[in-house]
PDB file of N, CA and C in Angstrom:
ATOM      1  N   MET A   1     130.497  53.595 246.760  1.00  0.00           N
ATOM      2  CA  MET A   1     129.406  54.482 246.439  1.00  0.00           C
ATOM      3  C   MET A   1     129.985  55.734 245.785  1.00  0.00           C
ATOM      4  N   LEU A   2     129.249  56.226 244.825  1.00  0.00           N
ATOM      5  CA  LEU A   2     129.675  57.405 244.088  1.00  0.00           C
ATOM      6  C   LEU A   2     128.555  58.424 244.139  1.00  0.00           C
ATOM      7  N   GLY A   3     128.875  59.648 244.499  1.00  0.00           N
ATOM      8  CA  GLY A   3     127.885  60.705 244.532  1.00  0.00           C
ATOM      9  C   GLY A   3     128.096  61.668 243.378  1.00  0.00           C
ATOM     10  N   MET A   4     126.992  62.112 242.789  1.00  0.00           N
ATOM     11  CA  MET A   4     127.076  63.052 241.681  1.00  0.00           C
ATOM     12  C   MET A   4     125.994  64.105 241.837  1.00  0.00           C
ATOM     13  N   LEU A   5     126.292  65.296 241.394  1.00  0.00           N
ATOM     14  CA  LEU A   5     125.304  66.367 241.380  1.00  0.00           C
ATOM     15  C   LEU A   5     124.903  66.629 239.938  1.00  0.00           C
ATOM     16  N   PHE A   6     123.599  66.714 239.706  1.00  0.00           N
ATOM     17  CA  PHE A   6     123.072  66.990 238.376  1.00  0.00           C
ATOM     18  C   PHE A   6     122.174  68.212 238.440  1.00  0.00           C
ATOM     19  N   ASN A   7     122.183  69.003 237.370  1.00  0.00           N
ATOM     20  CA  ASN A   7     121.200  70.079 237.298  1.00  0.00           C
ATOM     21  C   ASN A   7     119.919  69.497 236.696  1.00  0.00           C
ATOM     22  N   ASN A   8     118.852  70.285 236.644  1.00  0.00           N
ATOM     23  CA  ASN A   8     117.554  69.776 236.184  1.00  0.00           C
ATOM     24  C   ASN A   8     117.603  69.236 234.759  1.00  0.00           C
ATOM     25  N   LYS A   9     118.329  69.907 233.899  1.00  0.00           N
ATOM     26  CA  LYS A   9     118.433  69.459 232.505  1.00  0.00           C
ATOM     27  C   LYS A   9     119.125  68.095 232.421  1.00  0.00           C
ATOM     28  N   GLU A  10     120.159  67.912 233.209  1.00  0.00           N
ATOM     29  CA  GLU A  10     120.877  66.637 233.221  1.00  0.00           C
ATOM     30  C   GLU A  10     120.014  65.514 233.799  1.00  0.00           C
ATOM     31  N   VAL A  11     119.197  65.834 234.789  1.00  0.00           N
ATOM     32  CA  VAL A  11     118.292  64.834 235.364  1.00  0.00           C
ATOM     33  C   VAL A  11     117.275  64.388 234.320  1.00  0.00           C
ATOM     34  N   LYS A  12     116.737  65.340 233.567  1.00  0.00           N
ATOM     35  CA  LYS A  12     115.776  64.997 232.512  1.00  0.00           C
ATOM     36  C   LYS A  12     116.434  64.129 231.434  1.00  0.00           C
ATOM     37  N   GLU A  13     117.678  64.439 231.102  1.00  0.00           N
ATOM     38  CA  GLU A  13     118.404  63.636 230.112  1.00  0.00           C
ATOM     39  C   GLU A  13     118.645  62.221 230.643  1.00  0.00           C
ATOM     40  N   MET A  14     119.025  62.111 231.901  1.00  0.00           N
ATOM     41  CA  MET A  14     119.233  60.801 232.521  1.00  0.00           C
ATOM     42  C   MET A  14     117.922  60.012 232.521  1.00  0.00           C
ATOM     43  N   GLU A  15     116.843  60.674 232.865  1.00  0.00           N
ATOM     44  CA  GLU A  15     115.532  60.033 232.872  1.00  0.00           C
ATOM     45  C   GLU A  15     115.181  59.527 231.469  1.00  0.00           C
ATOM     46  N   TYR A  16     115.427  60.343 230.465  1.00  0.00           N
ATOM     47  CA  TYR A  16     115.141  59.954 229.082  1.00  0.00           C
ATOM     48  C   TYR A  16     115.957  58.723 228.675  1.00  0.00           C
ATOM     49  N   LEU A  17     117.253  58.742 228.962  1.00  0.00           N
ATOM     50  CA  LEU A  17     118.119  57.616 228.594  1.00  0.00           C
ATOM     51  C   LEU A  17     117.700  56.333 229.299  1.00  0.00           C
ATOM     52  N   LEU A  18     117.386  56.438 230.576  1.00  0.00           N
ATOM     53  CA  LEU A  18     116.967  55.256 231.327  1.00  0.00           C
ATOM     54  C   LEU A  18     115.637  54.706 230.814  1.00  0.00           C
ATOM     55  N   LYS A  19     114.711  55.598 230.443  1.00  0.00           N
ATOM     56  CA  LYS A  19     113.433  55.162 229.879  1.00  0.00           C
ATOM     57  C   LYS A  19     113.661  54.348 228.614  1.00  0.00           C
ATOM     58  N   ARG A  20     114.506  54.848 227.742  1.00  0.00           N
ATOM     59  CA  ARG A  20     114.771  54.148 226.475  1.00  0.00           C
ATOM     60  C   ARG A  20     115.378  52.768 226.731  1.00  0.00           C
ATOM     61  N   GLU A  21     116.316  52.693 227.656  1.00  0.00           N
ATOM     62  CA  GLU A  21     116.942  51.402 227.965  1.00  0.00           C
ATOM     63  C   GLU A  21     115.931  50.436 228.577  1.00  0.00           C
ATOM     64  N   LEU A  22     115.106  50.936 229.486  1.00  0.00           N
ATOM     65  CA  LEU A  22     114.097  50.078 230.109  1.00  0.00           C
ATOM     66  C   LEU A  22     113.082  49.593 229.079  1.00  0.00           C
ATOM     67  N   GLU A  23     112.656  50.476 228.181  1.00  0.00           N
ATOM     68  CA  GLU A  23     111.715  50.071 227.137  1.00  0.00           C
ATOM     69  C   GLU A  23     112.313  48.986 226.249  1.00  0.00           C
ATOM     70  N   GLU A  24     113.573  49.143 225.909  1.00  0.00           N
ATOM     71  CA  GLU A  24     114.237  48.143 225.071  1.00  0.00           C
ATOM     72  C   GLU A  24     114.329  46.794 225.786  1.00  0.00           C
ATOM     73  N   LEU A  25     114.678  46.828 227.066  1.00  0.00           N
ATOM     74  CA  LEU A  25     114.755  45.580 227.831  1.00  0.00           C
ATOM     75  C   LEU A  25     113.390  44.917 227.949  1.00  0.00           C
ATOM     76  N   LEU A  26     112.365  45.703 228.259  1.00  0.00           N
ATOM     77  CA  LEU A  26     111.022  45.137 228.384  1.00  0.00           C
ATOM     78  C   LEU A  26     110.567  44.516 227.068  1.00  0.00           C
ATOM     79  N   HIS A  27     110.910  45.154 225.975  1.00  0.00           N
ATOM     80  CA  HIS A  27     110.564  44.606 224.665  1.00  0.00           C
ATOM     81  C   HIS A  27     111.320  43.294 224.417  1.00  0.00           C
ATOM     82  N   ASP A  28     112.600  43.273 224.741  1.00  0.00           N
ATOM     83  CA  ASP A  28     113.418  42.077 224.521  1.00  0.00           C
ATOM     84  C   ASP A  28     113.022  40.911 225.416  1.00  0.00           C
ATOM     85  N   PHE A  29     112.458  41.191 226.587  1.00  0.00           N
ATOM     86  CA  PHE A  29     112.003  40.109 227.464  1.00  0.00           C
ATOM     87  C   PHE A  29     110.907  39.286 226.791  1.00  0.00           C
ATOM     88  N   GLU A  30     110.164  39.907 225.897  1.00  0.00           N
ATOM     89  CA  GLU A  30     109.064  39.216 225.204  1.00  0.00           C
ATOM     90  C   GLU A  30     109.557  38.343 224.053  1.00  0.00           C
ATOM     91  N   ASP A  31     110.792  38.513 223.647  1.00  0.00           N
ATOM     92  CA  ASP A  31     111.347  37.776 222.515  1.00  0.00           C
ATOM     93  C   ASP A  31     111.720  36.353 222.940  1.00  0.00           C
ATOM     94  N   ASN A  32     111.035  35.374 222.390  1.00  0.00           N
ATOM     95  CA  ASN A  32     111.259  33.974 222.753  1.00  0.00           C
ATOM     96  C   ASN A  32     112.547  33.410 222.171  1.00  0.00           C
ATOM     97  N   ARG A  33     113.150  34.107 221.216  1.00  0.00           N
ATOM     98  CA  ARG A  33     114.377  33.613 220.594  1.00  0.00           C
ATOM     99  C   ARG A  33     115.600  33.833 221.480  1.00  0.00           C
ATOM    100  N   ILE A  34     115.458  34.676 222.492  1.00  0.00           N
ATOM    101  CA  ILE A  34     116.590  34.987 223.371  1.00  0.00           C
ATOM    102  C   ILE A  34     116.730  33.883 224.417  1.00  0.00           C
ATOM    103  N   ASP A  35     117.945  33.408 224.594  1.00  0.00           N
ATOM    104  CA  ASP A  35     118.269  32.320 225.509  1.00  0.00           C
ATOM    105  C   ASP A  35     118.028  32.724 226.966  1.00  0.00           C
ATOM    106  N   ARG A  36     117.747  31.732 227.817  1.00  0.00           N
ATOM    107  CA  ARG A  36     117.497  31.985 229.244  1.00  0.00           C
ATOM    108  C   ARG A  36     118.687  32.627 229.940  1.00  0.00           C
ATOM    109  N   VAL A  37     119.890  32.216 229.582  1.00  0.00           N
ATOM    110  CA  VAL A  37     121.092  32.774 230.209  1.00  0.00           C
ATOM    111  C   VAL A  37     121.198  34.260 229.887  1.00  0.00           C
ATOM    112  N   VAL A  38     120.907  34.599 228.652  1.00  0.00           N
ATOM    113  CA  VAL A  38     120.951  36.005 228.234  1.00  0.00           C
ATOM    114  C   VAL A  38     119.851  36.786 228.946  1.00  0.00           C
ATOM    115  N   LYS A  39     118.677  36.201 229.042  1.00  0.00           N
ATOM    116  CA  LYS A  39     117.568  36.884 229.733  1.00  0.00           C
ATOM    117  C   LYS A  39     117.887  37.098 231.207  1.00  0.00           C
ATOM    118  N   HIS A  40     118.613  36.178 231.798  1.00  0.00           N
ATOM    119  CA  HIS A  40     119.016  36.352 233.197  1.00  0.00           C
ATOM    120  C   HIS A  40     119.934  37.572 233.333  1.00  0.00           C
ATOM    121  N   ALA A  41     120.881  37.705 232.420  1.00  0.00           N
ATOM    122  CA  ALA A  41     121.766  38.876 232.425  1.00  0.00           C
ATOM    123  C   ALA A  41     120.972  40.145 232.169  1.00  0.00           C
ATOM    124  N   MET A  42     119.997  40.061 231.283  1.00  0.00           N
ATOM    125  CA  MET A  42     119.135  41.215 231.009  1.00  0.00           C
ATOM    126  C   MET A  42     118.348  41.600 232.255  1.00  0.00           C
ATOM    127  N   GLU A  43     117.894  40.599 233.001  1.00  0.00           N
ATOM    128  CA  GLU A  43     117.132  40.860 234.235  1.00  0.00           C
ATOM    129  C   GLU A  43     117.986  41.605 235.251  1.00  0.00           C
ATOM    130  N   GLU A  44     119.234  41.194 235.391  1.00  0.00           N
ATOM    131  CA  GLU A  44     120.138  41.890 236.315  1.00  0.00           C
ATOM    132  C   GLU A  44     120.329  43.343 235.887  1.00  0.00           C
ATOM    133  N   ARG A  45     120.508  43.553 234.597  1.00  0.00           N
ATOM    134  CA  ARG A  45     120.675  44.915 234.074  1.00  0.00           C
ATOM    135  C   ARG A  45     119.411  45.728 234.284  1.00  0.00           C
ATOM    136  N   TYR A  46     118.248  45.101 234.049  1.00  0.00           N
ATOM    137  CA  TYR A  46     116.969  45.770 234.252  1.00  0.00           C
ATOM    138  C   TYR A  46     116.836  46.254 235.697  1.00  0.00           C
ATOM    139  N   GLN A  47     117.172  45.399 236.643  1.00  0.00           N
ATOM    140  CA  GLN A  47     117.052  45.766 238.057  1.00  0.00           C
ATOM    141  C   GLN A  47     117.918  46.980 238.392  1.00  0.00           C
ATOM    142  N   ILE A  48     119.137  47.004 237.889  1.00  0.00           N
ATOM    143  CA  ILE A  48     120.043  48.136 238.143  1.00  0.00           C
ATOM    144  C   ILE A  48     119.480  49.413 237.531  1.00  0.00           C
ATOM    145  N   LEU A  49     119.066  49.338 236.270  1.00  0.00           N
ATOM    146  CA  LEU A  49     118.549  50.521 235.581  1.00  0.00           C
ATOM    147  C   LEU A  49     117.248  51.019 236.207  1.00  0.00           C
ATOM    148  N   TYR A  50     116.390  50.076 236.617  1.00  0.00           N
ATOM    149  CA  TYR A  50     115.124  50.486 237.231  1.00  0.00           C
ATOM    150  C   TYR A  50     115.368  51.221 238.553  1.00  0.00           C
ATOM    151  N   LYS A  51     116.301  50.730 239.335  1.00  0.00           N
ATOM    152  CA  LYS A  51     116.618  51.402 240.601  1.00  0.00           C
ATOM    153  C   LYS A  51     117.164  52.807 240.359  1.00  0.00           C
ATOM    154  N   MET A  52     117.994  52.947 239.335  1.00  0.00           N
ATOM    155  CA  MET A  52     118.501  54.279 238.983  1.00  0.00           C
ATOM    156  C   MET A  52     117.355  55.177 238.529  1.00  0.00           C
ATOM    157  N   PHE A  53     116.467  54.629 237.706  1.00  0.00           N
ATOM    158  CA  PHE A  53     115.331  55.390 237.195  1.00  0.00           C
ATOM    159  C   PHE A  53     114.418  55.842 238.334  1.00  0.00           C
ATOM    160  N   ALA A  54     114.215  54.968 239.295  1.00  0.00           N
ATOM    161  CA  ALA A  54     113.337  55.291 240.424  1.00  0.00           C
ATOM    162  C   ALA A  54     113.874  56.465 241.249  1.00  0.00           C
ATOM    163  N   ARG A  55     115.163  56.709 241.179  1.00  0.00           N
ATOM    164  CA  ARG A  55     115.754  57.830 241.925  1.00  0.00           C
ATOM    165  C   ARG A  55     115.504  59.172 241.265  1.00  0.00           C
ATOM    166  N   VAL A  56     115.286  59.183 239.950  1.00  0.00           N
ATOM    167  CA  VAL A  56     115.141  60.462 239.256  1.00  0.00           C
ATOM    168  C   VAL A  56     113.735  60.698 238.720  1.00  0.00           C
ATOM    169  N   ALA A  57     112.917  59.671 238.629  1.00  0.00           N
ATOM    170  CA  ALA A  57     111.591  59.804 238.033  1.00  0.00           C
ATOM    171  C   ALA A  57     110.502  59.831 239.102  1.00  0.00           C
ATOM    172  N   PRO A  58     109.392  60.484 238.788  1.00  0.00           N
ATOM    173  CA  PRO A  58     108.253  60.459 239.721  1.00  0.00           C
ATOM    174  C   PRO A  58     107.639  59.054 239.778  1.00  0.00           C
ATOM    175  N   PRO A  59     106.987  58.721 240.881  1.00  0.00           N
ATOM    176  CA  PRO A  59     106.407  57.379 241.049  1.00  0.00           C
ATOM    177  C   PRO A  59     105.446  56.969 239.925  1.00  0.00           C
ATOM    178  N   THR A  60     104.695  57.916 239.386  1.00  0.00           N
ATOM    179  CA  THR A  60     103.766  57.563 238.307  1.00  0.00           C
ATOM    180  C   THR A  60     104.514  57.079 237.066  1.00  0.00           C
ATOM    181  N   GLU A  61     105.669  57.648 236.796  1.00  0.00           N
ATOM    182  CA  GLU A  61     106.489  57.203 235.668  1.00  0.00           C
ATOM    183  C   GLU A  61     107.099  55.834 235.953  1.00  0.00           C
ATOM    184  N   CYS A  62     107.497  55.609 237.184  1.00  0.00           N
ATOM    185  CA  CYS A  62     108.111  54.322 237.556  1.00  0.00           C
ATOM    186  C   CYS A  62     107.138  53.175 237.356  1.00  0.00           C
ATOM    187  N   MET A  63     105.873  53.410 237.606  1.00  0.00           N
ATOM    188  CA  MET A  63     104.860  52.364 237.459  1.00  0.00           C
ATOM    189  C   MET A  63     104.798  51.844 236.026  1.00  0.00           C
ATOM    190  N   LYS A  64     105.073  52.690 235.058  1.00  0.00           N
ATOM    191  CA  LYS A  64     105.008  52.292 233.651  1.00  0.00           C
ATOM    192  C   LYS A  64     106.068  51.247 233.306  1.00  0.00           C
ATOM    193  N   TYR A  65     107.162  51.247 234.035  1.00  0.00           N
ATOM    194  CA  TYR A  65     108.287  50.365 233.726  1.00  0.00           C
ATOM    195  C   TYR A  65     108.448  49.226 234.727  1.00  0.00           C
ATOM    196  N   MET A  66     107.490  49.100 235.648  1.00  0.00           N
ATOM    197  CA  MET A  66     107.536  48.040 236.645  1.00  0.00           C
ATOM    198  C   MET A  66     107.040  46.745 236.004  1.00  0.00           C
ATOM    199  N   ARG A  67     107.723  45.664 236.298  1.00  0.00           N
ATOM    200  CA  ARG A  67     107.327  44.371 235.744  1.00  0.00           C
ATOM    201  C   ARG A  67     106.274  43.726 236.632  1.00  0.00           C
ATOM    202  N   SER A  68     105.464  42.856 236.052  1.00  0.00           N
ATOM    203  CA  SER A  68     104.375  42.228 236.805  1.00  0.00           C
ATOM    204  C   SER A  68     104.916  41.133 237.720  1.00  0.00           C
ATOM    205  N   LYS A  69     104.121  40.763 238.715  1.00  0.00           N
ATOM    206  CA  LYS A  69     104.526  39.715 239.653  1.00  0.00           C
ATOM    207  C   LYS A  69     104.634  38.363 238.965  1.00  0.00           C
ATOM    208  N   ALA A  70     103.859  38.138 237.923  1.00  0.00           N
ATOM    209  CA  ALA A  70     103.924  36.874 237.185  1.00  0.00           C
ATOM    210  C   ALA A  70     105.314  36.680 236.592  1.00  0.00           C
ATOM    211  N   VAL A  71     105.934  37.748 236.173  1.00  0.00           N
ATOM    212  CA  VAL A  71     107.279  37.672 235.602  1.00  0.00           C
ATOM    213  C   VAL A  71     108.268  37.231 236.669  1.00  0.00           C
ATOM    214  N   PHE A  72     108.111  37.766 237.880  1.00  0.00           N
ATOM    215  CA  PHE A  72     109.029  37.405 238.957  1.00  0.00           C
ATOM    216  C   PHE A  72     108.862  35.945 239.350  1.00  0.00           C
ATOM    217  N   ARG A  73     107.637  35.437 239.346  1.00  0.00           N
ATOM    218  CA  ARG A  73     107.425  34.014 239.656  1.00  0.00           C
ATOM    219  C   ARG A  73     108.071  33.139 238.595  1.00  0.00           C
ATOM    220  N   GLU A  74     107.965  33.558 237.329  1.00  0.00           N
ATOM    221  CA  GLU A  74     108.597  32.816 236.243  1.00  0.00           C
ATOM    222  C   GLU A  74     110.103  32.817 236.392  1.00  0.00           C
ATOM    223  N   ARG A  75     110.670  33.956 236.780  1.00  0.00           N
ATOM    224  CA  ARG A  75     112.116  34.085 236.937  1.00  0.00           C
ATOM    225  C   ARG A  75     112.620  33.173 238.043  1.00  0.00           C
ATOM    226  N   GLU A  76     111.870  33.055 239.147  1.00  0.00           N
ATOM    227  CA  GLU A  76     112.289  32.221 240.260  1.00  0.00           C
ATOM    228  C   GLU A  76     112.302  30.744 239.890  1.00  0.00           C
ATOM    229  N   SER A  77     111.494  30.358 238.914  1.00  0.00           N
ATOM    230  CA  SER A  77     111.438  28.951 238.508  1.00  0.00           C
ATOM    231  C   SER A  77     112.579  28.564 237.600  1.00  0.00           C
ATOM    232  N   LEU A  78     113.338  29.544 237.085  1.00  0.00           N
ATOM    233  CA  LEU A  78     114.474  29.227 236.191  1.00  0.00           C
ATOM    234  C   LEU A  78     115.628  28.594 236.894  1.00  0.00           C
TER     235      LEU A  78
END
């Protein structure tokens, strides 16, 4: 485990960077040309980034980047 202290400006920057990465991943999940193996790796990355985002963002912002339950059922069938 690694602990870090951030000031408010750094937290906002972290939030911004994580939002951009999450948006890109969510967009790429919709791309049918991407292989299942790659999407699985993307899913793992998404989970890590979302957990980080949830630590710095308010709950209302987190809801915007939460994936639907249908996606999780699809993932379990892979």
